[in-house]
Amino acid sequence: MNKIYNKDCIVGMKAIPNGKIDLVITDPPFAINFKAEKANYNRTASRVLSGYHEIKVEDYYDFTNAWMHEVYRILKKSGSMYVFSGWNNLKDILTALDDNNFTTINHIIWKYQFGV
């Protein structure tokens, strides 16, 4: 395929045949729509790309499970996925990984001061 896709992940993945993708790198919304953290993530309107949609905390698992289901379907058996995540919803990501039959090999933890 040799293509990079940049579109709504759930809609875009539905057009990809089963088992065709070698690698998925994803940076889903972090669901940090609470005032104490907005400044840490530079969440002023001028720094948010148009088209960005925040996910409500209570909807985060369902959202994550939906896109992971599609990723599992399109990945080759030898494929890999890298997921960027904030700490606050890591439990939902790990649960969705298990619920979609992924095998977790490792976690890469980047101790990073926010404010890019």
PDB file of N, CA and C in Angstrom:
ATOM      1  N   MET A   1       0.827  -1.194   0.000  1.00  0.00           N
ATOM      2  CA  MET A   1       0.000   0.000   0.000  1.00  0.00           C
ATOM      3  C   MET A   1       0.868   1.252   0.000  1.00  0.00           C
ATOM      4  N   ASN A   2       1.878   1.314   0.858  1.00  0.00           N
ATOM      5  CA  ASN A   2       2.790   2.453   0.923  1.00  0.00           C
ATOM      6  C   ASN A   2       2.060   3.791   0.960  1.00  0.00           C
ATOM      7  N   LYS A   3       1.133   3.911   1.880  1.00  0.00           N
ATOM      8  CA  LYS A   3       0.357   5.143   2.014  1.00  0.00           C
ATOM      9  C   LYS A   3       0.306   5.558   3.473  1.00  0.00           C
ATOM     10  N   ILE A   4       0.192   6.855   3.672  1.00  0.00           N
ATOM     11  CA  ILE A   4      -0.066   7.413   4.991  1.00  0.00           C
ATOM     12  C   ILE A   4      -1.470   7.982   4.949  1.00  0.00           C
ATOM     13  N   TYR A   5      -2.289   7.589   5.915  1.00  0.00           N
ATOM     14  CA  TYR A   5      -3.662   8.076   5.989  1.00  0.00           C
ATOM     15  C   TYR A   5      -3.764   9.094   7.115  1.00  0.00           C
ATOM     16  N   ASN A   6      -4.403  10.213   6.835  1.00  0.00           N
ATOM     17  CA  ASN A   6      -4.633  11.243   7.839  1.00  0.00           C
ATOM     18  C   ASN A   6      -6.093  11.647   7.738  1.00  0.00           C
ATOM     19  N   LYS A   7      -6.932  10.931   8.449  1.00  0.00           N
ATOM     20  CA  LYS A   7      -8.369  11.207   8.421  1.00  0.00           C
ATOM     21  C   LYS A   7      -9.000  10.654   9.679  1.00  0.00           C
ATOM     22  N   ASP A   8     -10.286  10.892   9.844  1.00  0.00           N
ATOM     23  CA  ASP A   8     -11.009  10.320  10.972  1.00  0.00           C
ATOM     24  C   ASP A   8     -10.723   8.821  11.000  1.00  0.00           C
ATOM     25  N   CYS A   9     -10.164   8.364  12.089  1.00  0.00           N
ATOM     26  CA  CYS A   9      -9.646   6.994  12.113  1.00  0.00           C
ATOM     27  C   CYS A   9     -10.723   5.930  11.952  1.00  0.00           C
ATOM     28  N   ILE A  10     -11.829   6.080  12.606  1.00  0.00           N
ATOM     29  CA  ILE A  10     -12.852   5.030  12.547  1.00  0.00           C
ATOM     30  C   ILE A  10     -13.460   4.959  11.153  1.00  0.00           C
ATOM     31  N   VAL A  11     -13.763   6.098  10.570  1.00  0.00           N
ATOM     32  CA  VAL A  11     -14.313   6.136   9.214  1.00  0.00           C
ATOM     33  C   VAL A  11     -13.271   5.661   8.208  1.00  0.00           C
ATOM     34  N   GLY A  12     -12.061   6.174   8.308  1.00  0.00           N
ATOM     35  CA  GLY A  12     -11.012   5.836   7.357  1.00  0.00           C
ATOM     36  C   GLY A  12     -10.623   4.369   7.378  1.00  0.00           C
ATOM     37  N   MET A  13     -10.548   3.775   8.564  1.00  0.00           N
ATOM     38  CA  MET A  13     -10.133   2.374   8.649  1.00  0.00           C
ATOM     39  C   MET A  13     -11.155   1.420   8.056  1.00  0.00           C
ATOM     40  N   LYS A  14     -12.414   1.811   8.050  1.00  0.00           N
ATOM     41  CA  LYS A  14     -13.447   0.930   7.490  1.00  0.00           C
ATOM     42  C   LYS A  14     -13.218   0.658   6.000  1.00  0.00           C
ATOM     43  N   ALA A  15     -12.487   1.542   5.325  1.00  0.00           N
ATOM     44  CA  ALA A  15     -12.208   1.367   3.897  1.00  0.00           C
ATOM     45  C   ALA A  15     -10.962   0.515   3.637  1.00  0.00           C
ATOM     46  N   ILE A  16     -10.248   0.143   4.686  1.00  0.00           N
ATOM     47  CA  ILE A  16      -9.017  -0.630   4.536  1.00  0.00           C
ATOM     48  C   ILE A  16      -9.338  -2.116   4.704  1.00  0.00           C
ATOM     49  N   PRO A  17      -8.866  -2.946   3.776  1.00  0.00           N
ATOM     50  CA  PRO A  17      -9.112  -4.390   3.894  1.00  0.00           C
ATOM     51  C   PRO A  17      -8.423  -5.002   5.119  1.00  0.00           C
ATOM     52  N   ASN A  18      -8.908  -6.136   5.555  1.00  0.00           N
ATOM     53  CA  ASN A  18      -8.336  -6.861   6.694  1.00  0.00           C
ATOM     54  C   ASN A  18      -6.868  -7.198   6.461  1.00  0.00           C
ATOM     55  N   GLY A  19      -6.061  -7.059   7.529  1.00  0.00           N
ATOM     56  CA  GLY A  19      -4.693  -7.540   7.515  1.00  0.00           C
ATOM     57  C   GLY A  19      -3.756  -6.903   6.517  1.00  0.00           C
ATOM     58  N   LYS A  20      -3.940  -5.635   6.207  1.00  0.00           N
ATOM     59  CA  LYS A  20      -3.121  -4.968   5.186  1.00  0.00           C
ATOM     60  C   LYS A  20      -2.103  -3.970   5.741  1.00  0.00           C
ATOM     61  N   ILE A  21      -2.168  -3.650   7.018  1.00  0.00           N
ATOM     62  CA  ILE A  21      -1.363  -2.564   7.572  1.00  0.00           C
ATOM     63  C   ILE A  21      -0.245  -3.123   8.454  1.00  0.00           C
ATOM     64  N   ASP A  22       0.968  -2.595   8.254  1.00  0.00           N
ATOM     65  CA  ASP A  22       2.124  -3.015   9.048  1.00  0.00           C
ATOM     66  C   ASP A  22       2.234  -2.276  10.378  1.00  0.00           C
ATOM     67  N   LEU A  23       1.889  -0.987  10.377  1.00  0.00           N
ATOM     68  CA  LEU A  23       2.129  -0.161  11.557  1.00  0.00           C
ATOM     69  C   LEU A  23       1.047   0.900  11.701  1.00  0.00           C
ATOM     70  N   VAL A  24       0.555   1.050  12.931  1.00  0.00           N
ATOM     71  CA  VAL A  24      -0.359   2.139  13.275  1.00  0.00           C
ATOM     72  C   VAL A  24       0.301   2.931  14.395  1.00  0.00           C
ATOM     73  N   ILE A  25       0.436   4.234  14.185  1.00  0.00           N
ATOM     74  CA  ILE A  25       0.899   5.155  15.218  1.00  0.00           C
ATOM     75  C   ILE A  25      -0.253   6.108  15.464  1.00  0.00           C
ATOM     76  N   THR A  26      -0.738   6.140  16.689  1.00  0.00           N
ATOM     77  CA  THR A  26      -1.923   6.942  16.964  1.00  0.00           C
ATOM     78  C   THR A  26      -1.746   7.801  18.210  1.00  0.00           C
ATOM     79  N   ASP A  27      -2.283   8.994  18.135  1.00  0.00           N
ATOM     80  CA  ASP A  27      -2.242   9.960  19.229  1.00  0.00           C
ATOM     81  C   ASP A  27      -3.673  10.451  19.444  1.00  0.00           C
ATOM     82  N   PRO A  28      -4.526   9.589  20.016  1.00  0.00           N
ATOM     83  CA  PRO A  28      -5.939   9.953  20.153  1.00  0.00           C
ATOM     84  C   PRO A  28      -6.134  11.096  21.151  1.00  0.00           C
ATOM     85  N   PRO A  29      -7.297  11.735  21.120  1.00  0.00           N
ATOM     86  CA  PRO A  29      -7.588  12.768  22.120  1.00  0.00           C
ATOM     87  C   PRO A  29      -7.353  12.217  23.523  1.00  0.00           C
ATOM     88  N   PHE A  30      -6.865  13.069  24.414  1.00  0.00           N
ATOM     89  CA  PHE A  30      -6.517  12.630  25.764  1.00  0.00           C
ATOM     90  C   PHE A  30      -7.671  12.751  26.762  1.00  0.00           C
ATOM     91  N   ALA A  31      -8.782  13.361  26.370  1.00  0.00           N
ATOM     92  CA  ALA A  31      -9.927  13.558  27.274  1.00  0.00           C
ATOM     93  C   ALA A  31      -9.500  14.289  28.544  1.00  0.00           C
ATOM     94  N   ILE A  32      -8.869  15.428  28.359  1.00  0.00           N
ATOM     95  CA  ILE A  32      -8.388  16.213  29.504  1.00  0.00           C
ATOM     96  C   ILE A  32      -9.163  17.514  29.622  1.00  0.00           C
ATOM     97  N   ASN A  33     -10.405  17.480  29.297  1.00  0.00           N
ATOM     98  CA  ASN A  33     -11.214  18.689  29.266  1.00  0.00           C
ATOM     99  C   ASN A  33     -11.615  19.137  30.674  1.00  0.00           C
ATOM    100  N   PHE A  34     -10.620  19.274  31.538  1.00  0.00           N
ATOM    101  CA  PHE A  34     -10.884  19.817  32.860  1.00  0.00           C
ATOM    102  C   PHE A  34      -9.903  20.946  33.121  1.00  0.00           C
ATOM    103  N   LYS A  35     -10.349  21.978  33.809  1.00  0.00           N
ATOM    104  CA  LYS A  35      -9.632  23.243  33.894  1.00  0.00           C
ATOM    105  C   LYS A  35      -8.226  23.133  34.466  1.00  0.00           C
ATOM    106  N   ALA A  36      -8.000  22.282  35.424  1.00  0.00           N
ATOM    107  CA  ALA A  36      -6.688  22.211  36.069  1.00  0.00           C
ATOM    108  C   ALA A  36      -5.589  21.782  35.110  1.00  0.00           C
ATOM    109  N   GLU A  37      -5.926  21.057  34.060  1.00  0.00           N
ATOM    110  CA  GLU A  37      -4.913  20.543  33.150  1.00  0.00           C
ATOM    111  C   GLU A  37      -4.814  21.304  31.832  1.00  0.00           C
ATOM    112  N   LYS A  38      -5.751  22.151  31.510  1.00  0.00           N
ATOM    113  CA  LYS A  38      -5.739  22.810  30.204  1.00  0.00           C
ATOM    114  C   LYS A  38      -4.442  23.563  29.942  1.00  0.00           C
ATOM    115  N   ALA A  39      -3.944  24.278  30.927  1.00  0.00           N
ATOM    116  CA  ALA A  39      -2.723  25.053  30.729  1.00  0.00           C
ATOM    117  C   ALA A  39      -1.520  24.146  30.492  1.00  0.00           C
ATOM    118  N   ASN A  40      -1.510  22.984  31.118  1.00  0.00           N
ATOM    119  CA  ASN A  40      -0.394  22.052  30.928  1.00  0.00           C
ATOM    120  C   ASN A  40      -0.296  21.558  29.498  1.00  0.00           C
ATOM    121  N   TYR A  41      -1.400  21.484  28.807  1.00  0.00           N
ATOM    122  CA  TYR A  41      -1.418  20.950  27.454  1.00  0.00           C
ATOM    123  C   TYR A  41      -1.574  22.049  26.401  1.00  0.00           C
ATOM    124  N   ASN A  42      -1.339  23.307  26.763  1.00  0.00           N
ATOM    125  CA  ASN A  42      -1.491  24.425  25.821  1.00  0.00           C
ATOM    126  C   ASN A  42      -2.849  24.392  25.143  1.00  0.00           C
ATOM    127  N   ARG A  43      -3.911  24.286  25.905  1.00  0.00           N
ATOM    128  CA  ARG A  43      -5.233  24.078  25.344  1.00  0.00           C
ATOM    129  C   ARG A  43      -5.980  25.373  25.049  1.00  0.00           C
ATOM    130  N   THR A  44      -5.276  26.452  24.762  1.00  0.00           N
ATOM    131  CA  THR A  44      -5.972  27.649  24.323  1.00  0.00           C
ATOM    132  C   THR A  44      -6.461  27.412  22.901  1.00  0.00           C
ATOM    133  N   ALA A  45      -7.511  28.093  22.511  1.00  0.00           N
ATOM    134  CA  ALA A  45      -8.124  27.874  21.196  1.00  0.00           C
ATOM    135  C   ALA A  45      -7.121  28.050  20.059  1.00  0.00           C
ATOM    136  N   SER A  46      -6.180  28.967  20.211  1.00  0.00           N
ATOM    137  CA  SER A  46      -5.216  29.216  19.136  1.00  0.00           C
ATOM    138  C   SER A  46      -4.249  28.050  18.915  1.00  0.00           C
ATOM    139  N   ARG A  47      -4.135  27.143  19.892  1.00  0.00           N
ATOM    140  CA  ARG A  47      -3.197  26.035  19.777  1.00  0.00           C
ATOM    141  C   ARG A  47      -3.875  24.711  19.422  1.00  0.00           C
ATOM    142  N   VAL A  48      -5.169  24.714  19.242  1.00  0.00           N
ATOM    143  CA  VAL A  48      -5.898  23.486  18.910  1.00  0.00           C
ATOM    144  C   VAL A  48      -6.213  23.499  17.422  1.00  0.00           C
ATOM    145  N   LEU A  49      -5.818  22.458  16.717  1.00  0.00           N
ATOM    146  CA  LEU A  49      -6.058  22.370  15.279  1.00  0.00           C
ATOM    147  C   LEU A  49      -7.542  22.282  14.981  1.00  0.00           C
ATOM    148  N   SER A  50      -7.954  22.892  13.885  1.00  0.00           N
ATOM    149  CA  SER A  50      -9.356  22.784  13.504  1.00  0.00           C
ATOM    150  C   SER A  50      -9.671  21.321  13.215  1.00  0.00           C
ATOM    151  N   GLY A  51     -10.873  20.923  13.555  1.00  0.00           N
ATOM    152  CA  GLY A  51     -11.276  19.539  13.363  1.00  0.00           C
ATOM    153  C   GLY A  51     -11.036  18.664  14.578  1.00  0.00           C
ATOM    154  N   TYR A  52     -10.304  19.173  15.576  1.00  0.00           N
ATOM    155  CA  TYR A  52     -10.054  18.394  16.787  1.00  0.00           C
ATOM    156  C   TYR A  52     -11.347  18.279  17.580  1.00  0.00           C
ATOM    157  N   HIS A  53     -11.655  17.085  18.027  1.00  0.00           N
ATOM    158  CA  HIS A  53     -12.844  16.859  18.850  1.00  0.00           C
ATOM    159  C   HIS A  53     -12.425  16.152  20.125  1.00  0.00           C
ATOM    160  N   GLU A  54     -12.707  16.773  21.239  1.00  0.00           N
ATOM    161  CA  GLU A  54     -12.389  16.159  22.525  1.00  0.00           C
ATOM    162  C   GLU A  54     -13.378  15.038  22.807  1.00  0.00           C
ATOM    163  N   ILE A  55     -12.926  14.044  23.528  1.00  0.00           N
ATOM    164  CA  ILE A  55     -13.767  12.929  23.933  1.00  0.00           C
ATOM    165  C   ILE A  55     -14.102  13.118  25.405  1.00  0.00           C
ATOM    166  N   LYS A  56     -15.356  12.959  25.756  1.00  0.00           N
ATOM    167  CA  LYS A  56     -15.749  13.052  27.159  1.00  0.00           C
ATOM    168  C   LYS A  56     -15.152  11.876  27.917  1.00  0.00           C
ATOM    169  N   VAL A  57     -14.755  12.123  29.155  1.00  0.00           N
ATOM    170  CA  VAL A  57     -14.153  11.079  29.979  1.00  0.00           C
ATOM    171  C   VAL A  57     -15.056   9.857  30.052  1.00  0.00           C
ATOM    172  N   GLU A  58     -16.345  10.070  30.215  1.00  0.00           N
ATOM    173  CA  GLU A  58     -17.277   8.939  30.345  1.00  0.00           C
ATOM    174  C   GLU A  58     -17.456   8.158  29.039  1.00  0.00           C
ATOM    175  N   ASP A  59     -17.044   8.743  27.915  1.00  0.00           N
ATOM    176  CA  ASP A  59     -17.150   8.065  26.614  1.00  0.00           C
ATOM    177  C   ASP A  59     -15.815   7.501  26.129  1.00  0.00           C
ATOM    178  N   TYR A  60     -14.758   7.699  26.909  1.00  0.00           N
ATOM    179  CA  TYR A  60     -13.417   7.392  26.419  1.00  0.00           C
ATOM    180  C   TYR A  60     -13.204   5.912  26.119  1.00  0.00           C
ATOM    181  N   TYR A  61     -13.667   5.032  26.992  1.00  0.00           N
ATOM    182  CA  TYR A  61     -13.478   3.601  26.721  1.00  0.00           C
ATOM    183  C   TYR A  61     -14.199   3.192  25.440  1.00  0.00           C
ATOM    184  N   ASP A  62     -15.453   3.599  25.272  1.00  0.00           N
ATOM    185  CA  ASP A  62     -16.209   3.212  24.074  1.00  0.00           C
ATOM    186  C   ASP A  62     -15.530   3.722  22.805  1.00  0.00           C
ATOM    187  N   PHE A  63     -15.064   4.965  22.835  1.00  0.00           N
ATOM    188  CA  PHE A  63     -14.336   5.531  21.697  1.00  0.00           C
ATOM    189  C   PHE A  63     -13.074   4.717  21.416  1.00  0.00           C
ATOM    190  N   THR A  64     -12.306   4.454  22.459  1.00  0.00           N
ATOM    191  CA  THR A  64     -11.053   3.714  22.310  1.00  0.00           C
ATOM    192  C   THR A  64     -11.302   2.300  21.815  1.00  0.00           C
ATOM    193  N   ASN A  65     -12.288   1.643  22.370  1.00  0.00           N
ATOM    194  CA  ASN A  65     -12.621   0.284  21.952  1.00  0.00           C
ATOM    195  C   ASN A  65     -13.017   0.245  20.474  1.00  0.00           C
ATOM    196  N   ALA A  66     -13.752   1.249  20.018  1.00  0.00           N
ATOM    197  CA  ALA A  66     -14.205   1.282  18.619  1.00  0.00           C
ATOM    198  C   ALA A  66     -13.029   1.393  17.656  1.00  0.00           C
ATOM    199  N   TRP A  67     -12.093   2.318  17.918  1.00  0.00           N
ATOM    200  CA  TRP A  67     -10.981   2.444  16.971  1.00  0.00           C
ATOM    201  C   TRP A  67     -10.000   1.290  17.098  1.00  0.00           C
ATOM    202  N   MET A  68      -9.820   0.750  18.307  1.00  0.00           N
ATOM    203  CA  MET A  68      -8.920  -0.395  18.444  1.00  0.00           C
ATOM    204  C   MET A  68      -9.465  -1.636  17.747  1.00  0.00           C
ATOM    205  N   HIS A  69     -10.773  -1.789  17.742  1.00  0.00           N
ATOM    206  CA  HIS A  69     -11.393  -2.912  17.031  1.00  0.00           C
ATOM    207  C   HIS A  69     -11.011  -2.861  15.549  1.00  0.00           C
ATOM    208  N   GLU A  70     -11.077  -1.669  14.971  1.00  0.00           N
ATOM    209  CA  GLU A  70     -10.706  -1.505  13.561  1.00  0.00           C
ATOM    210  C   GLU A  70      -9.206  -1.701  13.342  1.00  0.00           C
ATOM    211  N   VAL A  71      -8.389  -1.189  14.253  1.00  0.00           N
ATOM    212  CA  VAL A  71      -6.938  -1.376  14.118  1.00  0.00           C
ATOM    213  C   VAL A  71      -6.600  -2.862  14.129  1.00  0.00           C
ATOM    214  N   TYR A  72      -7.182  -3.599  15.044  1.00  0.00           N
ATOM    215  CA  TYR A  72      -6.894  -5.034  15.123  1.00  0.00           C
ATOM    216  C   TYR A  72      -7.266  -5.732  13.813  1.00  0.00           C
ATOM    217  N   ARG A  73      -8.355  -5.318  13.239  1.00  0.00           N
ATOM    218  CA  ARG A  73      -8.824  -5.926  11.991  1.00  0.00           C
ATOM    219  C   ARG A  73      -7.869  -5.643  10.829  1.00  0.00           C
ATOM    220  N   ILE A  74      -7.368  -4.422  10.725  1.00  0.00           N
ATOM    221  CA  ILE A  74      -6.557  -4.052   9.557  1.00  0.00           C
ATOM    222  C   ILE A  74      -5.074  -4.389   9.699  1.00  0.00           C
ATOM    223  N   LEU A  75      -4.598  -4.580  10.939  1.00  0.00           N
ATOM    224  CA  LEU A  75      -3.180  -4.896  11.132  1.00  0.00           C
ATOM    225  C   LEU A  75      -2.854  -6.293  10.621  1.00  0.00           C
ATOM    226  N   LYS A  76      -1.668  -6.412  10.018  1.00  0.00           N
ATOM    227  CA  LYS A  76      -1.145  -7.731   9.694  1.00  0.00           C
ATOM    228  C   LYS A  76      -0.864  -8.465  11.003  1.00  0.00           C
ATOM    229  N   LYS A  77      -0.809  -9.774  10.964  1.00  0.00           N
ATOM    230  CA  LYS A  77      -0.494 -10.563  12.169  1.00  0.00           C
ATOM    231  C   LYS A  77       0.857 -10.159  12.747  1.00  0.00           C
ATOM    232  N   SER A  78       1.770  -9.727  11.893  1.00  0.00           N
ATOM    233  CA  SER A  78       3.096  -9.286  12.332  1.00  0.00           C
ATOM    234  C   SER A  78       3.148  -7.777  12.575  1.00  0.00           C
ATOM    235  N   GLY A  79       1.998  -7.099  12.516  1.00  0.00           N
ATOM    236  CA  GLY A  79       1.947  -5.648  12.644  1.00  0.00           C
ATOM    237  C   GLY A  79       2.133  -5.157  14.067  1.00  0.00           C
ATOM    238  N   SER A  80       2.349  -3.856  14.183  1.00  0.00           N
ATOM    239  CA  SER A  80       2.542  -3.208  15.480  1.00  0.00           C
ATOM    240  C   SER A  80       1.703  -1.945  15.568  1.00  0.00           C
ATOM    241  N   MET A  81       1.434  -1.547  16.801  1.00  0.00           N
ATOM    242  CA  MET A  81       0.725  -0.297  17.048  1.00  0.00           C
ATOM    243  C   MET A  81       1.427   0.422  18.193  1.00  0.00           C
ATOM    244  N   TYR A  82       1.606   1.728  18.020  1.00  0.00           N
ATOM    245  CA  TYR A  82       2.114   2.591  19.072  1.00  0.00           C
ATOM    246  C   TYR A  82       1.014   3.592  19.402  1.00  0.00           C
ATOM    247  N   VAL A  83       0.669   3.688  20.693  1.00  0.00           N
ATOM    248  CA  VAL A  83      -0.410   4.566  21.140  1.00  0.00           C
ATOM    249  C   VAL A  83       0.168   5.593  22.103  1.00  0.00           C
ATOM    250  N   PHE A  84      -0.019   6.867  21.793  1.00  0.00           N
ATOM    251  CA  PHE A  84       0.330   7.935  22.723  1.00  0.00           C
ATOM    252  C   PHE A  84      -0.872   8.154  23.632  1.00  0.00           C
ATOM    253  N   SER A  85      -0.602   8.334  24.916  1.00  0.00           N
ATOM    254  CA  SER A  85      -1.711   8.496  25.853  1.00  0.00           C
ATOM    255  C   SER A  85      -1.283   9.333  27.040  1.00  0.00           C
ATOM    256  N   GLY A  86      -2.224  10.089  27.557  1.00  0.00           N
ATOM    257  CA  GLY A  86      -2.021  10.731  28.840  1.00  0.00           C
ATOM    258  C   GLY A  86      -2.260   9.704  29.939  1.00  0.00           C
ATOM    259  N   TRP A  87      -1.796   9.988  31.118  1.00  0.00           N
ATOM    260  CA  TRP A  87      -1.930   9.049  32.234  1.00  0.00           C
ATOM    261  C   TRP A  87      -3.373   8.858  32.665  1.00  0.00           C
ATOM    262  N   ASN A  88      -4.211   9.879  32.474  1.00  0.00           N
ATOM    263  CA  ASN A  88      -5.555   9.863  33.050  1.00  0.00           C
ATOM    264  C   ASN A  88      -6.484   8.825  32.430  1.00  0.00           C
ATOM    265  N   ASN A  89      -6.239   8.384  31.213  1.00  0.00           N
ATOM    266  CA  ASN A  89      -7.097   7.376  30.587  1.00  0.00           C
ATOM    267  C   ASN A  89      -6.343   6.113  30.208  1.00  0.00           C
ATOM    268  N   LEU A  90      -5.189   5.928  30.789  1.00  0.00           N
ATOM    269  CA  LEU A  90      -4.395   4.748  30.473  1.00  0.00           C
ATOM    270  C   LEU A  90      -5.158   3.458  30.767  1.00  0.00           C
ATOM    271  N   LYS A  91      -5.946   3.448  31.833  1.00  0.00           N
ATOM    272  CA  LYS A  91      -6.714   2.236  32.172  1.00  0.00           C
ATOM    273  C   LYS A  91      -7.668   1.860  31.049  1.00  0.00           C
ATOM    274  N   ASP A  92      -8.302   2.850  30.415  1.00  0.00           N
ATOM    275  CA  ASP A  92      -9.218   2.562  29.308  1.00  0.00           C
ATOM    276  C   ASP A  92      -8.465   2.015  28.098  1.00  0.00           C
ATOM    277  N   ILE A  93      -7.298   2.549  27.840  1.00  0.00           N
ATOM    278  CA  ILE A  93      -6.496   2.070  26.713  1.00  0.00           C
ATOM    279  C   ILE A  93      -6.037   0.639  26.960  1.00  0.00           C
ATOM    280  N   LEU A  94      -5.539   0.362  28.156  1.00  0.00           N
ATOM    281  CA  LEU A  94      -5.082  -0.993  28.464  1.00  0.00           C
ATOM    282  C   LEU A  94      -6.230  -1.996  28.431  1.00  0.00           C
ATOM    283  N   THR A  95      -7.393  -1.604  28.931  1.00  0.00           N
ATOM    284  CA  THR A  95      -8.556  -2.490  28.897  1.00  0.00           C
ATOM    285  C   THR A  95      -8.983  -2.760  27.465  1.00  0.00           C
ATOM    286  N   ALA A  96      -9.022  -1.719  26.634  1.00  0.00           N
ATOM    287  CA  ALA A  96      -9.410  -1.899  25.230  1.00  0.00           C
ATOM    288  C   ALA A  96      -8.396  -2.764  24.483  1.00  0.00           C
ATOM    289  N   LEU A  97      -7.119  -2.632  24.801  1.00  0.00           N
ATOM    290  CA  LEU A  97      -6.110  -3.511  24.193  1.00  0.00           C
ATOM    291  C   LEU A  97      -6.428  -4.968  24.501  1.00  0.00           C
ATOM    292  N   ASP A  98      -6.695  -5.246  25.771  1.00  0.00           N
ATOM    293  CA  ASP A  98      -7.038  -6.619  26.170  1.00  0.00           C
ATOM    294  C   ASP A  98      -8.335  -7.078  25.527  1.00  0.00           C
ATOM    295  N   ASP A  99      -9.342  -6.217  25.530  1.00  0.00           N
ATOM    296  CA  ASP A  99     -10.655  -6.588  24.994  1.00  0.00           C
ATOM    297  C   ASP A  99     -10.621  -6.849  23.489  1.00  0.00           C
ATOM    298  N   ASN A 100      -9.619  -6.313  22.807  1.00  0.00           N
ATOM    299  CA  ASN A 100      -9.499  -6.510  21.361  1.00  0.00           C
ATOM    300  C   ASN A 100      -8.396  -7.495  20.987  1.00  0.00           C
ATOM    301  N   ASN A 101      -7.951  -8.267  21.971  1.00  0.00           N
ATOM    302  CA  ASN A 101      -6.996  -9.368  21.751  1.00  0.00           C
ATOM    303  C   ASN A 101      -5.596  -8.945  21.324  1.00  0.00           C
ATOM    304  N   PHE A 102      -5.218  -7.707  21.625  1.00  0.00           N
ATOM    305  CA  PHE A 102      -3.844  -7.296  21.360  1.00  0.00           C
ATOM    306  C   PHE A 102      -2.912  -7.947  22.380  1.00  0.00           C
ATOM    307  N   THR A 103      -1.680  -8.140  21.998  1.00  0.00           N
ATOM    308  CA  THR A 103      -0.636  -8.588  22.912  1.00  0.00           C
ATOM    309  C   THR A 103       0.240  -7.382  23.213  1.00  0.00           C
ATOM    310  N   THR A 104       0.293  -6.997  24.472  1.00  0.00           N
ATOM    311  CA  THR A 104       1.130  -5.866  24.867  1.00  0.00           C
ATOM    312  C   THR A 104       2.546  -6.374  25.091  1.00  0.00           C
ATOM    313  N   ILE A 105       3.478  -5.807  24.358  1.00  0.00           N
ATOM    314  CA  ILE A 105       4.879  -6.203  24.474  1.00  0.00           C
ATOM    315  C   ILE A 105       5.583  -5.360  25.530  1.00  0.00           C
ATOM    316  N   ASN A 106       5.322  -4.056  25.522  1.00  0.00           N
ATOM    317  CA  ASN A 106       6.025  -3.179  26.439  1.00  0.00           C
ATOM    318  C   ASN A 106       5.322  -1.834  26.511  1.00  0.00           C
ATOM    319  N   HIS A 107       5.705  -1.065  27.499  1.00  0.00           N
ATOM    320  CA  HIS A 107       5.246   0.315  27.651  1.00  0.00           C
ATOM    321  C   HIS A 107       6.479   1.204  27.572  1.00  0.00           C
ATOM    322  N   ILE A 108       6.359   2.278  26.836  1.00  0.00           N
ATOM    323  CA  ILE A 108       7.415   3.280  26.789  1.00  0.00           C
ATOM    324  C   ILE A 108       6.882   4.484  27.543  1.00  0.00           C
ATOM    325  N   ILE A 109       7.541   4.850  28.609  1.00  0.00           N
ATOM    326  CA  ILE A 109       7.088   5.973  29.425  1.00  0.00           C
ATOM    327  C   ILE A 109       8.073   7.118  29.251  1.00  0.00           C
ATOM    328  N   TRP A 110       7.527   8.246  28.839  1.00  0.00           N
ATOM    329  CA  TRP A 110       8.324   9.432  28.591  1.00  0.00           C
ATOM    330  C   TRP A 110       7.979  10.443  29.674  1.00  0.00           C
ATOM    331  N   LYS A 111       8.897  10.691  30.587  1.00  0.00           N
ATOM    332  CA  LYS A 111       8.683  11.705  31.617  1.00  0.00           C
ATOM    333  C   LYS A 111       8.952  13.049  30.963  1.00  0.00           C
ATOM    334  N   TYR A 112       7.892  13.787  30.773  1.00  0.00           N
ATOM    335  CA  TYR A 112       7.955  14.969  29.934  1.00  0.00           C
ATOM    336  C   TYR A 112       7.237  16.124  30.602  1.00  0.00           C
ATOM    337  N   GLN A 113       7.875  17.262  30.662  1.00  0.00           N
ATOM    338  CA  GLN A 113       7.234  18.461  31.185  1.00  0.00           C
ATOM    339  C   GLN A 113       6.366  19.052  30.087  1.00  0.00           C
ATOM    340  N   PHE A 114       5.080  19.166  30.329  1.00  0.00           N
ATOM    341  CA  PHE A 114       4.166  19.659  29.308  1.00  0.00           C
ATOM    342  C   PHE A 114       4.376  21.140  29.055  1.00  0.00           C
ATOM    343  N   GLY A 115       3.830  21.589  27.949  1.00  0.00           N
ATOM    344  CA  GLY A 115       3.931  22.991  27.588  1.00  0.00           C
ATOM    345  C   GLY A 115       4.693  23.190  26.295  1.00  0.00           C
ATOM    346  N   VAL A 116       4.531  22.257  25.379  1.00  0.00           N
ATOM    347  CA  VAL A 116       5.247  22.310  24.105  1.00  0.00           C
ATOM    348  C   VAL A 116       4.840  23.544  23.344  1.00  0.00           C
TER     349      VAL A 116
END
